[in-house]
Every structure is written in C-alpha cells, then in structure tokens.
Amino acid sequence: RTDSLMQGLVVDGRLLEEDELAEGMTVEVTLVNNRSDVKFKDVVVAIK
C-alpha cells in the first residue's frame, strides 16, 4: 500500500537557463500529488 501511495508523489526538475554572469545552476523543481487518497509529509527531494 505504501509503495502504491508513493507512486502518487511525482517529482520532476529542469535546469533553468541563466544569464552568462550568474554563477552556479538553478533548478526548477515540480512536486505533484497525483492521488486523492493520500497526503505527503516530510517530503525530501534529491538533486544529483
């Protein structure tokens, strides 16, 4: 049941284009709960 519920939490991300002077990288992260029978607590996202 937990595995099935966890499938409902969709995490996605994309690199945002930066201007040449900006240092580092900015990632736009999107979180979506695709299920109505679950709520998520303590969400941790990993960016590798």
All heavy atoms as atom14 arrays in JSON, in Angstrom:
{
  "sequence": "RTDSLMQGLVVDGRLLEEDELAEGMTVEVTLVNNRSDVKFKDVVVAIK",
  "atom14_mask": [
    [1, 1, 1, 1, 1, 1, 1, 1, 1, 1, 1, 0, 0, 0],
    [1, 1, 1, 1, 1, 1, 1, 0, 0, 0, 0, 0, 0, 0],
    [1, 1, 1, 1, 1, 1, 1, 1, 0, 0, 0, 0, 0, 0],
    [1, 1, 1, 1, 1, 1, 0, 0, 0, 0, 0, 0, 0, 0],
    [1, 1, 1, 1, 1, 1, 1, 1, 0, 0, 0, 0, 0, 0],
    [1, 1, 1, 1, 1, 1, 1, 1, 0, 0, 0, 0, 0, 0],
    [1, 1, 1, 1, 1, 1, 1, 1, 1, 0, 0, 0, 0, 0],
    [1, 1, 1, 1, 0, 0, 0, 0, 0, 0, 0, 0, 0, 0],
    [1, 1, 1, 1, 1, 1, 1, 1, 0, 0, 0, 0, 0, 0],
    [1, 1, 1, 1, 1, 1, 1, 0, 0, 0, 0, 0, 0, 0],
    [1, 1, 1, 1, 1, 1, 1, 0, 0, 0, 0, 0, 0, 0],
    [1, 1, 1, 1, 1, 1, 1, 1, 0, 0, 0, 0, 0, 0],
    [1, 1, 1, 1, 0, 0, 0, 0, 0, 0, 0, 0, 0, 0],
    [1, 1, 1, 1, 1, 1, 1, 1, 1, 1, 1, 0, 0, 0],
    [1, 1, 1, 1, 1, 1, 1, 1, 0, 0, 0, 0, 0, 0],
    [1, 1, 1, 1, 1, 1, 1, 1, 0, 0, 0, 0, 0, 0],
    [1, 1, 1, 1, 1, 1, 1, 1, 1, 0, 0, 0, 0, 0],
    [1, 1, 1, 1, 1, 1, 1, 1, 1, 0, 0, 0, 0, 0],
    [1, 1, 1, 1, 1, 1, 1, 1, 0, 0, 0, 0, 0, 0],
    [1, 1, 1, 1, 1, 1, 1, 1, 1, 0, 0, 0, 0, 0],
    [1, 1, 1, 1, 1, 1, 1, 1, 0, 0, 0, 0, 0, 0],
    [1, 1, 1, 1, 1, 0, 0, 0, 0, 0, 0, 0, 0, 0],
    [1, 1, 1, 1, 1, 1, 1, 1, 1, 0, 0, 0, 0, 0],
    [1, 1, 1, 1, 0, 0, 0, 0, 0, 0, 0, 0, 0, 0],
    [1, 1, 1, 1, 1, 1, 1, 1, 0, 0, 0, 0, 0, 0],
    [1, 1, 1, 1, 1, 1, 1, 0, 0, 0, 0, 0, 0, 0],
    [1, 1, 1, 1, 1, 1, 1, 0, 0, 0, 0, 0, 0, 0],
    [1, 1, 1, 1, 1, 1, 1, 1, 1, 0, 0, 0, 0, 0],
    [1, 1, 1, 1, 1, 1, 1, 0, 0, 0, 0, 0, 0, 0],
    [1, 1, 1, 1, 1, 1, 1, 0, 0, 0, 0, 0, 0, 0],
    [1, 1, 1, 1, 1, 1, 1, 1, 0, 0, 0, 0, 0, 0],
    [1, 1, 1, 1, 1, 1, 1, 0, 0, 0, 0, 0, 0, 0],
    [1, 1, 1, 1, 1, 1, 1, 1, 0, 0, 0, 0, 0, 0],
    [1, 1, 1, 1, 1, 1, 1, 1, 0, 0, 0, 0, 0, 0],
    [1, 1, 1, 1, 1, 1, 1, 1, 1, 1, 1, 0, 0, 0],
    [1, 1, 1, 1, 1, 1, 0, 0, 0, 0, 0, 0, 0, 0],
    [1, 1, 1, 1, 1, 1, 1, 1, 0, 0, 0, 0, 0, 0],
    [1, 1, 1, 1, 1, 1, 1, 0, 0, 0, 0, 0, 0, 0],
    [1, 1, 1, 1, 1, 1, 1, 1, 1, 0, 0, 0, 0, 0],
    [1, 1, 1, 1, 1, 1, 1, 1, 1, 1, 1, 0, 0, 0],
    [1, 1, 1, 1, 1, 1, 1, 1, 1, 0, 0, 0, 0, 0],
    [1, 1, 1, 1, 1, 1, 1, 1, 0, 0, 0, 0, 0, 0],
    [1, 1, 1, 1, 1, 1, 1, 0, 0, 0, 0, 0, 0, 0],
    [1, 1, 1, 1, 1, 1, 1, 0, 0, 0, 0, 0, 0, 0],
    [1, 1, 1, 1, 1, 1, 1, 0, 0, 0, 0, 0, 0, 0],
    [1, 1, 1, 1, 1, 0, 0, 0, 0, 0, 0, 0, 0, 0],
    [1, 1, 1, 1, 1, 1, 1, 1, 0, 0, 0, 0, 0, 0],
    [1, 1, 1, 1, 1, 1, 1, 1, 1, 0, 0, 0, 0, 0]
  ],
  "atom14_positions": [
    [[0.84, -1.2, 0.0], [0.0, 0.0, 0.0], [0.88, 1.25, 0.0], [0.63, 2.19, -0.75], [-0.92, -0.03, 1.24], [-1.8, 1.19, 1.4], [-2.87, 1.3, 0.34], [-3.7, 2.47, 0.59], [-4.53, 2.98, -0.28], [-4.68, 2.42, -1.46], [-5.23, 4.05, 0.01], [0.0, 0.0, 0.0], [0.0, 0.0, 0.0], [0.0, 0.0, 0.0]],
    [[1.91, 1.26, 0.83], [2.83, 2.4, 0.89], [3.52, 2.6, -0.45], [3.61, 3.74, -0.94], [3.87, 2.2, 2.01], [3.17, 2.11, 3.26], [4.85, 3.36, 2.08], [0.0, 0.0, 0.0], [0.0, 0.0, 0.0], [0.0, 0.0, 0.0], [0.0, 0.0, 0.0], [0.0, 0.0, 0.0], [0.0, 0.0, 0.0], [0.0, 0.0, 0.0]],
    [[4.0, 1.5, -1.06], [4.64, 1.6, -2.38], [3.68, 2.2, -3.39], [4.05, 3.07, -4.18], [5.11, 0.22, -2.87], [6.28, -0.33, -2.06], [6.88, 0.45, -1.28], [6.58, -1.53, -2.2], [0.0, 0.0, 0.0], [0.0, 0.0, 0.0], [0.0, 0.0, 0.0], [0.0, 0.0, 0.0], [0.0, 0.0, 0.0], [0.0, 0.0, 0.0]],
    [[2.45, 1.73, -3.36], [1.42, 2.23, -4.28], [1.16, 3.72, -4.05], [1.08, 4.51, -4.99], [0.14, 1.41, -4.09], [-0.94, 2.03, -4.72], [0.0, 0.0, 0.0], [0.0, 0.0, 0.0], [0.0, 0.0, 0.0], [0.0, 0.0, 0.0], [0.0, 0.0, 0.0], [0.0, 0.0, 0.0], [0.0, 0.0, 0.0], [0.0, 0.0, 0.0]],
    [[1.04, 4.11, -2.78], [0.8, 5.52, -2.45], [1.97, 6.39, -2.89], [1.77, 7.5, -3.41], [0.56, 5.69, -0.94], [-0.72, 5.09, -0.37], [-0.73, 5.22, 1.14], [-1.96, 5.73, -0.97], [0.0, 0.0, 0.0], [0.0, 0.0, 0.0], [0.0, 0.0, 0.0], [0.0, 0.0, 0.0], [0.0, 0.0, 0.0], [0.0, 0.0, 0.0]],
    [[3.2, 5.9, -2.68], [4.39, 6.68, -3.04], [4.46, 6.96, -4.54], [5.02, 7.96, -4.96], [5.66, 5.97, -2.57], [5.86, 6.01, -1.05], [5.98, 7.67, -0.37], [7.66, 8.07, -0.81], [0.0, 0.0, 0.0], [0.0, 0.0, 0.0], [0.0, 0.0, 0.0], [0.0, 0.0, 0.0], [0.0, 0.0, 0.0], [0.0, 0.0, 0.0]],
    [[3.85, 6.06, -5.35], [3.82, 6.29, -6.8], [3.06, 7.58, -7.13], [3.26, 8.17, -8.19], [3.16, 5.11, -7.53], [3.89, 3.79, -7.37], [5.34, 3.83, -7.81], [5.66, 4.33, -8.87], [6.21, 3.33, -6.95], [0.0, 0.0, 0.0], [0.0, 0.0, 0.0], [0.0, 0.0, 0.0], [0.0, 0.0, 0.0], [0.0, 0.0, 0.0]],
    [[2.19, 8.0, -6.2], [1.4, 9.21, -6.42], [2.2, 10.49, -6.31], [1.77, 11.54, -6.8], [0.0, 0.0, 0.0], [0.0, 0.0, 0.0], [0.0, 0.0, 0.0], [0.0, 0.0, 0.0], [0.0, 0.0, 0.0], [0.0, 0.0, 0.0], [0.0, 0.0, 0.0], [0.0, 0.0, 0.0], [0.0, 0.0, 0.0], [0.0, 0.0, 0.0]],
    [[3.36, 10.43, -5.66], [4.19, 11.63, -5.49], [5.17, 11.72, -6.66], [6.11, 10.94, -6.75], [4.96, 11.58, -4.17], [5.88, 12.78, -3.89], [5.12, 14.09, -3.9], [6.59, 12.6, -2.57], [0.0, 0.0, 0.0], [0.0, 0.0, 0.0], [0.0, 0.0, 0.0], [0.0, 0.0, 0.0], [0.0, 0.0, 0.0], [0.0, 0.0, 0.0]],
    [[4.89, 12.66, -7.55], [5.74, 12.82, -8.74], [6.67, 14.01, -8.52], [6.24, 15.09, -8.14], [4.87, 13.05, -10.0], [5.75, 13.25, -11.22], [3.93, 11.86, -10.2], [0.0, 0.0, 0.0], [0.0, 0.0, 0.0], [0.0, 0.0, 0.0], [0.0, 0.0, 0.0], [0.0, 0.0, 0.0], [0.0, 0.0, 0.0], [0.0, 0.0, 0.0]],
    [[7.96, 13.76, -8.74], [8.98, 14.8, -8.59], [9.67, 14.96, -9.93], [10.08, 13.98, -10.55], [10.01, 14.4, -7.5], [11.11, 15.45, -7.4], [9.32, 14.22, -6.16], [0.0, 0.0, 0.0], [0.0, 0.0, 0.0], [0.0, 0.0, 0.0], [0.0, 0.0, 0.0], [0.0, 0.0, 0.0], [0.0, 0.0, 0.0], [0.0, 0.0, 0.0]],
    [[9.78, 16.2, -10.38], [10.44, 16.46, -11.65], [11.27, 17.74, -11.51], [11.01, 18.55, -10.62], [9.39, 16.62, -12.75], [10.0, 16.5, -14.15], [11.12, 15.98, -14.26], [9.35, 16.94, -15.11], [0.0, 0.0, 0.0], [0.0, 0.0, 0.0], [0.0, 0.0, 0.0], [0.0, 0.0, 0.0], [0.0, 0.0, 0.0], [0.0, 0.0, 0.0]],
    [[12.23, 17.89, -12.38], [13.03, 19.1, -12.32], [13.68, 19.4, -13.65], [13.88, 18.51, -14.46], [0.0, 0.0, 0.0], [0.0, 0.0, 0.0], [0.0, 0.0, 0.0], [0.0, 0.0, 0.0], [0.0, 0.0, 0.0], [0.0, 0.0, 0.0], [0.0, 0.0, 0.0], [0.0, 0.0, 0.0], [0.0, 0.0, 0.0], [0.0, 0.0, 0.0]],
    [[13.94, 20.68, -13.85], [14.64, 21.06, -15.09], [15.58, 22.22, -14.78], [15.33, 23.03, -13.88], [13.65, 21.44, -16.19], [12.85, 22.69, -15.92], [11.78, 22.94, -16.98], [11.11, 24.2, -16.72], [11.47, 25.36, -17.25], [12.49, 25.43, -18.08], [10.82, 26.47, -16.96], [0.0, 0.0, 0.0], [0.0, 0.0, 0.0], [0.0, 0.0, 0.0]],
    [[16.64, 22.27, -15.55], [17.63, 23.33, -15.39], [17.09, 24.6, -16.04], [16.63, 24.57, -17.17], [18.94, 22.9, -16.07], [20.13, 23.84, -15.92], [20.51, 24.0, -14.45], [21.31, 23.31, -16.72], [0.0, 0.0, 0.0], [0.0, 0.0, 0.0], [0.0, 0.0, 0.0], [0.0, 0.0, 0.0], [0.0, 0.0, 0.0], [0.0, 0.0, 0.0]],
    [[17.14, 25.7, -15.31], [16.71, 26.98, -15.87], [17.89, 27.64, -16.57], [19.01, 27.59, -16.08], [16.19, 27.91, -14.77], [14.87, 27.5, -14.1], [14.52, 28.5, -13.01], [13.74, 27.41, -15.1], [0.0, 0.0, 0.0], [0.0, 0.0, 0.0], [0.0, 0.0, 0.0], [0.0, 0.0, 0.0], [0.0, 0.0, 0.0], [0.0, 0.0, 0.0]],
    [[17.62, 28.23, -17.72], [18.68, 28.94, -18.44], [19.04, 30.19, -17.64], [18.16, 30.93, -17.21], [18.2, 29.33, -19.86], [17.96, 28.15, -20.77], [19.18, 27.25, -20.96], [20.29, 27.78, -21.12], [19.0, 26.02, -20.91], [0.0, 0.0, 0.0], [0.0, 0.0, 0.0], [0.0, 0.0, 0.0], [0.0, 0.0, 0.0], [0.0, 0.0, 0.0]],
    [[20.32, 30.37, -17.44], [20.8, 31.53, -16.67], [21.5, 32.51, -17.6], [21.94, 32.14, -18.69], [21.82, 31.05, -15.62], [21.24, 30.15, -14.56], [20.52, 30.9, -13.46], [20.71, 32.12, -13.33], [19.76, 30.25, -12.73], [0.0, 0.0, 0.0], [0.0, 0.0, 0.0], [0.0, 0.0, 0.0], [0.0, 0.0, 0.0], [0.0, 0.0, 0.0]],
    [[21.63, 33.74, -17.15], [22.44, 34.67, -17.95], [23.91, 34.33, -17.71], [24.26, 33.67, -16.74], [22.12, 36.14, -17.6], [22.4, 36.45, -16.15], [23.6, 36.56, -15.81], [21.44, 36.59, -15.37], [0.0, 0.0, 0.0], [0.0, 0.0, 0.0], [0.0, 0.0, 0.0], [0.0, 0.0, 0.0], [0.0, 0.0, 0.0], [0.0, 0.0, 0.0]],
    [[24.77, 34.75, -18.59], [26.18, 34.35, -18.58], [26.89, 34.72, -17.27], [27.82, 34.04, -16.87], [26.92, 35.02, -19.76], [26.45, 34.54, -21.13], [26.66, 33.04, -21.33], [27.79, 32.56, -21.13], [25.69, 32.34, -21.68], [0.0, 0.0, 0.0], [0.0, 0.0, 0.0], [0.0, 0.0, 0.0], [0.0, 0.0, 0.0], [0.0, 0.0, 0.0]],
    [[26.47, 35.8, -16.62], [27.17, 36.26, -15.42], [26.8, 35.47, -14.16], [27.54, 35.47, -13.19], [26.88, 37.75, -15.19], [27.34, 38.69, -16.32], [26.79, 40.09, -16.09], [28.85, 38.71, -16.43], [0.0, 0.0, 0.0], [0.0, 0.0, 0.0], [0.0, 0.0, 0.0], [0.0, 0.0, 0.0], [0.0, 0.0, 0.0], [0.0, 0.0, 0.0]],
    [[25.65, 34.82, -14.19], [25.19, 34.1, -12.99], [26.11, 32.9, -12.72], [26.52, 32.21, -13.63], [23.77, 33.63, -13.18], [0.0, 0.0, 0.0], [0.0, 0.0, 0.0], [0.0, 0.0, 0.0], [0.0, 0.0, 0.0], [0.0, 0.0, 0.0], [0.0, 0.0, 0.0], [0.0, 0.0, 0.0], [0.0, 0.0, 0.0], [0.0, 0.0, 0.0]],
    [[26.44, 32.72, -11.48], [27.28, 31.58, -11.12], [26.39, 30.45, -10.62], [25.37, 30.67, -9.99], [28.26, 31.99, -10.02], [29.41, 32.81, -10.57], [30.55, 32.9, -9.57], [30.65, 32.03, -8.69], [31.34, 33.84, -9.71], [0.0, 0.0, 0.0], [0.0, 0.0, 0.0], [0.0, 0.0, 0.0], [0.0, 0.0, 0.0], [0.0, 0.0, 0.0]],
    [[26.81, 29.23, -10.89], [26.07, 28.07, -10.41], [24.92, 27.69, -11.32], [24.84, 28.1, -12.47], [0.0, 0.0, 0.0], [0.0, 0.0, 0.0], [0.0, 0.0, 0.0], [0.0, 0.0, 0.0], [0.0, 0.0, 0.0], [0.0, 0.0, 0.0], [0.0, 0.0, 0.0], [0.0, 0.0, 0.0], [0.0, 0.0, 0.0], [0.0, 0.0, 0.0]],
    [[24.04, 26.88, -10.77], [22.92, 26.33, -11.54], [21.63, 26.49, -10.74], [21.61, 26.26, -9.53], [23.16, 24.85, -11.83], [24.46, 24.58, -12.58], [24.81, 22.82, -12.7], [23.89, 22.39, -14.15], [0.0, 0.0, 0.0], [0.0, 0.0, 0.0], [0.0, 0.0, 0.0], [0.0, 0.0, 0.0], [0.0, 0.0, 0.0], [0.0, 0.0, 0.0]],
    [[20.57, 26.85, -11.44], [19.25, 26.94, -10.8], [18.35, 25.86, -11.39], [18.21, 25.76, -12.62], [18.62, 28.33, -11.01], [19.52, 29.31, -10.47], [17.29, 28.44, -10.3], [0.0, 0.0, 0.0], [0.0, 0.0, 0.0], [0.0, 0.0, 0.0], [0.0, 0.0, 0.0], [0.0, 0.0, 0.0], [0.0, 0.0, 0.0], [0.0, 0.0, 0.0]],
    [[17.76, 25.1, -10.51], [16.87, 24.02, -10.93], [15.45, 24.37, -10.5], [15.22, 24.78, -9.37], [17.28, 22.68, -10.27], [16.35, 21.56, -10.68], [18.72, 22.34, -10.62], [0.0, 0.0, 0.0], [0.0, 0.0, 0.0], [0.0, 0.0, 0.0], [0.0, 0.0, 0.0], [0.0, 0.0, 0.0], [0.0, 0.0, 0.0], [0.0, 0.0, 0.0]],
    [[14.52, 24.21, -11.45], [13.11, 24.39, -11.11], [12.54, 23.0, -10.81], [12.58, 22.11, -11.65], [12.38, 25.01, -12.3], [10.92, 25.31, -12.0], [10.22, 25.94, -13.19], [9.88, 25.19, -14.12], [10.05, 27.17, -13.17], [0.0, 0.0, 0.0], [0.0, 0.0, 0.0], [0.0, 0.0, 0.0], [0.0, 0.0, 0.0], [0.0, 0.0, 0.0]],
    [[12.08, 22.84, -9.59], [11.56, 21.55, -9.14], [10.04, 21.6, -9.1], [9.46, 22.57, -8.64], [12.11, 21.19, -7.74], [11.56, 19.86, -7.25], [13.63, 21.17, -7.74], [0.0, 0.0, 0.0], [0.0, 0.0, 0.0], [0.0, 0.0, 0.0], [0.0, 0.0, 0.0], [0.0, 0.0, 0.0], [0.0, 0.0, 0.0], [0.0, 0.0, 0.0]],
    [[9.41, 20.54, -9.59], [7.96, 20.44, -9.56], [7.57, 19.21, -8.75], [8.06, 18.11, -8.99], [7.4, 20.29, -11.0], [7.9, 21.37, -11.79], [5.89, 20.31, -11.01], [0.0, 0.0, 0.0], [0.0, 0.0, 0.0], [0.0, 0.0, 0.0], [0.0, 0.0, 0.0], [0.0, 0.0, 0.0], [0.0, 0.0, 0.0], [0.0, 0.0, 0.0]],
    [[6.68, 19.43, -7.78], [6.12, 18.33, -6.98], [4.64, 18.25, -7.27], [3.96, 19.27, -7.29], [6.27, 18.61, -5.48], [7.64, 18.7, -4.87], [7.51, 19.03, -3.37], [8.38, 17.4, -5.03], [0.0, 0.0, 0.0], [0.0, 0.0, 0.0], [0.0, 0.0, 0.0], [0.0, 0.0, 0.0], [0.0, 0.0, 0.0], [0.0, 0.0, 0.0]],
    [[4.13, 17.03, -7.48], [2.7, 16.85, -7.68], [2.25, 15.58, -6.96], [2.9, 14.55, -7.05], [2.34, 16.7, -9.19], [0.83, 16.59, -9.38], [2.89, 17.83, -10.01], [0.0, 0.0, 0.0], [0.0, 0.0, 0.0], [0.0, 0.0, 0.0], [0.0, 0.0, 0.0], [0.0, 0.0, 0.0], [0.0, 0.0, 0.0], [0.0, 0.0, 0.0]],
    [[1.12, 15.7, -6.27], [0.48, 14.53, -5.69], [-0.63, 14.14, -6.67], [-1.6, 14.85, -6.83], [-0.11, 14.87, -4.32], [-0.89, 13.71, -3.73], [-0.98, 12.64, -4.32], [-1.48, 13.95, -2.58], [0.0, 0.0, 0.0], [0.0, 0.0, 0.0], [0.0, 0.0, 0.0], [0.0, 0.0, 0.0], [0.0, 0.0, 0.0], [0.0, 0.0, 0.0]],
    [[-0.46, 12.99, -7.33], [-1.43, 12.55, -8.33], [-2.59, 11.73, -7.75], [-3.4, 11.23, -8.5], [-0.73, 11.7, -9.41], [-0.08, 12.58, -10.44], [-0.5, 13.71, -10.67], [0.95, 12.06, -11.08], [0.0, 0.0, 0.0], [0.0, 0.0, 0.0], [0.0, 0.0, 0.0], [0.0, 0.0, 0.0], [0.0, 0.0, 0.0], [0.0, 0.0, 0.0]],
    [[-2.63, 11.57, -6.44], [-3.68, 10.75, -5.83], [-4.47, 11.55, -4.81], [-3.93, 12.38, -4.09], [-3.07, 9.53, -5.13], [-2.36, 8.59, -6.08], [-1.78, 7.42, -5.36], [-2.85, 6.62, -4.76], [-2.83, 5.29, -4.72], [-1.83, 4.63, -5.22], [-3.81, 4.62, -4.15], [0.0, 0.0, 0.0], [0.0, 0.0, 0.0], [0.0, 0.0, 0.0]],
    [[-5.77, 11.26, -4.74], [-6.63, 11.97, -3.78], [-6.75, 11.21, -2.45], [-7.29, 11.74, -1.49], [-8.02, 12.17, -4.38], [-8.56, 10.93, -4.75], [0.0, 0.0, 0.0], [0.0, 0.0, 0.0], [0.0, 0.0, 0.0], [0.0, 0.0, 0.0], [0.0, 0.0, 0.0], [0.0, 0.0, 0.0], [0.0, 0.0, 0.0], [0.0, 0.0, 0.0]],
    [[-6.22, 9.98, -2.4], [-6.35, 9.19, -1.17], [-5.11, 9.23, -0.29], [-4.94, 8.4, 0.6], [-6.71, 7.74, -1.52], [-5.68, 7.05, -2.39], [-4.76, 7.74, -2.89], [-5.78, 5.82, -2.57], [0.0, 0.0, 0.0], [0.0, 0.0, 0.0], [0.0, 0.0, 0.0], [0.0, 0.0, 0.0], [0.0, 0.0, 0.0], [0.0, 0.0, 0.0]],
    [[-4.23, 10.23, -0.54], [-3.01, 10.31, 0.26], [-2.53, 11.76, 0.36], [-2.79, 12.57, -0.53], [-1.89, 9.43, -0.37], [-1.48, 9.93, -1.73], [-0.67, 9.32, 0.55], [0.0, 0.0, 0.0], [0.0, 0.0, 0.0], [0.0, 0.0, 0.0], [0.0, 0.0, 0.0], [0.0, 0.0, 0.0], [0.0, 0.0, 0.0], [0.0, 0.0, 0.0]],
    [[-1.9, 12.06, 1.5], [-1.19, 13.34, 1.66], [0.24, 12.96, 2.03], [0.48, 11.91, 2.61], [-1.8, 14.18, 2.78], [-3.15, 14.76, 2.43], [-3.27, 16.18, 2.95], [-4.6, 16.81, 2.67], [-4.8, 17.24, 1.3], [0.0, 0.0, 0.0], [0.0, 0.0, 0.0], [0.0, 0.0, 0.0], [0.0, 0.0, 0.0], [0.0, 0.0, 0.0]],
    [[1.19, 13.82, 1.68], [2.59, 13.51, 1.95], [3.18, 14.49, 2.96], [3.02, 15.69, 2.85], [3.4, 13.56, 0.65], [3.02, 12.47, -0.3], [2.13, 12.71, -1.35], [3.52, 11.19, -0.16], [1.76, 11.69, -2.22], [3.15, 10.16, -1.01], [2.28, 10.42, -2.05], [0.0, 0.0, 0.0], [0.0, 0.0, 0.0], [0.0, 0.0, 0.0]],
    [[3.86, 13.92, 3.95], [4.54, 14.73, 4.96], [6.05, 14.51, 4.8], [6.48, 13.49, 4.28], [4.11, 14.3, 6.36], [2.65, 14.59, 6.66], [2.37, 14.46, 8.14], [1.0, 14.93, 8.53], [0.71, 16.31, 8.2], [0.0, 0.0, 0.0], [0.0, 0.0, 0.0], [0.0, 0.0, 0.0], [0.0, 0.0, 0.0], [0.0, 0.0, 0.0]],
    [[6.83, 15.48, 5.28], [8.29, 15.37, 5.3], [8.89, 15.0, 3.94], [9.69, 14.08, 3.84], [8.75, 14.34, 6.35], [8.15, 14.6, 7.72], [8.11, 15.78, 8.11], [7.72, 13.64, 8.38], [0.0, 0.0, 0.0], [0.0, 0.0, 0.0], [0.0, 0.0, 0.0], [0.0, 0.0, 0.0], [0.0, 0.0, 0.0], [0.0, 0.0, 0.0]],
    [[8.47, 15.7, 2.9], [8.98, 15.42, 1.56], [10.42, 15.94, 1.44], [10.7, 17.09, 1.77], [8.09, 16.07, 0.47], [8.67, 15.82, -0.92], [6.66, 15.55, 0.56], [0.0, 0.0, 0.0], [0.0, 0.0, 0.0], [0.0, 0.0, 0.0], [0.0, 0.0, 0.0], [0.0, 0.0, 0.0], [0.0, 0.0, 0.0], [0.0, 0.0, 0.0]],
    [[11.31, 15.07, 0.98], [12.7, 15.45, 0.73], [13.01, 15.13, -0.73], [12.77, 14.02, -1.2], [13.68, 14.7, 1.66], [15.13, 15.07, 1.35], [13.36, 14.99, 3.12], [0.0, 0.0, 0.0], [0.0, 0.0, 0.0], [0.0, 0.0, 0.0], [0.0, 0.0, 0.0], [0.0, 0.0, 0.0], [0.0, 0.0, 0.0], [0.0, 0.0, 0.0]],
    [[13.53, 16.13, -1.44], [13.88, 15.98, -2.85], [15.41, 15.93, -2.95], [16.1, 16.69, -2.27], [13.34, 17.18, -3.66], [13.81, 17.13, -5.09], [11.82, 17.22, -3.59], [0.0, 0.0, 0.0], [0.0, 0.0, 0.0], [0.0, 0.0, 0.0], [0.0, 0.0, 0.0], [0.0, 0.0, 0.0], [0.0, 0.0, 0.0], [0.0, 0.0, 0.0]],
    [[15.91, 15.05, -3.81], [17.36, 14.97, -4.03], [17.66, 15.52, -5.42], [16.98, 15.19, -6.39], [17.83, 13.53, -3.93], [0.0, 0.0, 0.0], [0.0, 0.0, 0.0], [0.0, 0.0, 0.0], [0.0, 0.0, 0.0], [0.0, 0.0, 0.0], [0.0, 0.0, 0.0], [0.0, 0.0, 0.0], [0.0, 0.0, 0.0], [0.0, 0.0, 0.0]],
    [[18.67, 16.36, -5.49], [19.16, 16.84, -6.79], [20.6, 16.33, -6.9], [21.44, 16.66, -6.07], [19.12, 18.37, -6.9], [17.7, 18.87, -6.65], [19.61, 18.82, -8.28], [17.58, 20.38, -6.52], [0.0, 0.0, 0.0], [0.0, 0.0, 0.0], [0.0, 0.0, 0.0], [0.0, 0.0, 0.0], [0.0, 0.0, 0.0], [0.0, 0.0, 0.0]],
    [[20.84, 15.5, -7.91], [22.17, 14.94, -8.12], [22.81, 15.64, -9.31], [22.19, 15.76, -10.36], [22.08, 13.43, -8.37], [21.61, 12.64, -7.17], [21.62, 11.16, -7.46], [21.25, 10.37, -6.22], [21.53, 8.94, -6.39], [0.0, 0.0, 0.0], [0.0, 0.0, 0.0], [0.0, 0.0, 0.0], [0.0, 0.0, 0.0], [0.0, 0.0, 0.0]]
  ]
}
